[in-house]
């Protein structure tokens, strides 16, 4: 009978040790998976941030090109207006002087 009690105690003791080992293993696995999740999340956030920066740079470049194109068009229009103004100004001055000389003459 004593042998049977000893075997029961030994089996119980072994069961407690196994339970402790499995609990430790579960805690380690949990920590490992949590660590992997954190790493995965950080990688995805870094990738999303990089993609956002690339998109932002692309948009900025597009805006700068558009702005440069508009400035060039405006500059051309200003030059054309300036040339046309000078032509008209010369014609008006010539007409005014002709009328003055005709009026005096």
Protein backbone atom coordinates (compact mmCIF):
# COMPACT_ATOMS: atom_id res chain seq x y z
CA UNK A 1 0.00 0.00 0.00
CA UNK A 2 2.82 2.30 0.81
CA UNK A 3 4.32 1.65 -2.61
CA UNK A 4 1.06 2.59 -4.26
CA UNK A 5 0.92 5.84 -2.24
CA UNK A 6 4.48 6.58 -3.19
CA UNK A 7 3.72 5.97 -6.84
CA UNK A 8 0.65 8.25 -6.63
CA UNK A 9 2.76 10.98 -5.00
CA UNK A 10 5.44 10.53 -7.63
CA UNK A 11 2.86 10.67 -10.47
CA UNK A 12 1.28 13.74 -8.87
CA UNK A 13 4.66 15.36 -8.50
CA UNK A 14 5.53 14.60 -12.12
CA UNK A 15 2.16 16.00 -13.22
CA UNK A 16 2.84 19.24 -11.32
CA UNK A 17 6.28 19.53 -12.91
CA UNK A 18 4.80 18.92 -16.38
CA UNK A 19 2.07 21.49 -15.71
CA UNK A 20 4.70 24.05 -14.66
CA UNK A 21 6.84 23.31 -17.73
CA UNK A 22 3.84 23.66 -20.07
CA UNK A 23 2.78 26.90 -18.41
CA UNK A 24 6.30 28.28 -18.84
CA UNK A 25 6.32 27.09 -22.45
CA UNK A 26 2.96 28.77 -23.06
CA UNK A 27 4.21 32.03 -21.53
CA UNK A 28 7.36 31.92 -23.70
CA UNK A 29 5.29 31.21 -26.83
CA UNK A 30 2.87 34.00 -25.94
CA UNK A 31 5.77 36.43 -25.48
CA UNK A 32 7.38 35.23 -28.72
CA UNK A 33 4.17 35.75 -30.70
CA UNK A 34 3.55 39.14 -29.11
CA UNK A 35 7.08 40.13 -30.04
CA UNK A 36 6.53 38.95 -33.60
CA UNK A 37 3.28 40.92 -33.77
CA UNK A 38 5.00 44.07 -32.54
CA UNK A 39 7.80 43.60 -35.07
CA UNK A 40 5.30 42.96 -37.87
CA UNK A 41 3.23 45.98 -36.91
CA UNK A 42 6.31 48.22 -36.74
CA UNK A 43 7.46 47.00 -40.15
CA UNK A 44 4.05 47.66 -41.67
CA UNK A 45 3.86 51.10 -40.09
CA UNK A 46 7.35 51.93 -41.37
CA UNK A 47 6.39 50.71 -44.85
CA UNK A 48 3.16 52.72 -44.80
CA UNK A 49 5.08 55.79 -43.64
CA UNK A 50 7.61 55.36 -46.44
CA UNK A 51 4.82 54.94 -49.00
CA UNK A 52 3.09 58.06 -47.67
CA UNK A 53 6.34 60.02 -47.92
CA UNK A 54 6.85 58.82 -51.50
CA UNK A 55 3.32 59.82 -52.43
CA UNK A 56 3.79 63.20 -50.74
CA UNK A 57 7.05 63.80 -52.64
CA UNK A 58 5.38 62.80 -55.88
CA UNK A 59 2.52 65.20 -55.26
CA UNK A 60 4.96 67.97 -54.34
CA UNK A 61 6.95 67.40 -57.53
CA UNK A 62 3.77 67.43 -59.58
CA UNK A 63 2.65 70.68 -57.97
CA UNK A 64 6.08 72.26 -58.53
CA UNK A 65 6.03 71.24 -62.22
CA UNK A 66 2.50 72.58 -62.61
CA UNK A 67 3.47 75.81 -60.89
CA UNK A 68 6.55 76.21 -63.10
CA UNK A 69 4.42 75.57 -66.19
CA UNK A 70 1.87 78.17 -65.10
CA UNK A 71 4.62 80.69 -64.32
CA UNK A 72 6.08 80.13 -67.78
CA UNK A 73 2.66 80.65 -69.40
CA UNK A 74 2.11 83.79 -67.35
CA UNK A 75 5.55 85.08 -68.26
CA UNK A 76 4.86 84.50 -71.96
CA UNK A 77 1.50 86.23 -71.68
CA UNK A 78 3.09 89.20 -69.87
CA UNK A 79 5.77 89.45 -72.55
CA UNK A 80 3.16 89.32 -75.33
CA UNK A 81 1.09 91.99 -73.58
CA UNK A 82 4.17 94.11 -73.07
CA UNK A 83 5.16 93.83 -76.74
CA UNK A 84 1.61 94.59 -77.87
CA UNK A 85 1.40 97.53 -75.46
CA UNK A 86 4.65 98.93 -76.84
CA UNK A 87 3.36 98.60 -80.41
CA UNK A 88 0.08 100.32 -79.56
CA UNK A 89 1.88 102.98 -77.55
CA UNK A 90 4.11 103.76 -80.52
CA UNK A 91 1.13 103.94 -82.87
CA UNK A 92 -0.76 106.23 -80.48
CA UNK A 93 2.20 108.52 -80.00
CA UNK A 94 2.72 108.69 -83.74
CA UNK A 95 -0.98 109.46 -84.30
CA UNK A 96 -0.96 112.12 -81.58
CA UNK A 97 2.14 113.82 -83.00
CA UNK A 98 0.72 113.67 -86.53
CA UNK A 99 -2.51 115.28 -85.35
CA UNK A 100 -0.56 117.92 -83.43
CA UNK A 101 1.55 118.77 -86.44
CA UNK A 102 -1.50 118.78 -88.74
CA UNK A 103 -3.33 121.00 -86.26
CA UNK A 104 -0.37 123.43 -86.16
CA UNK A 105 0.28 123.34 -89.82
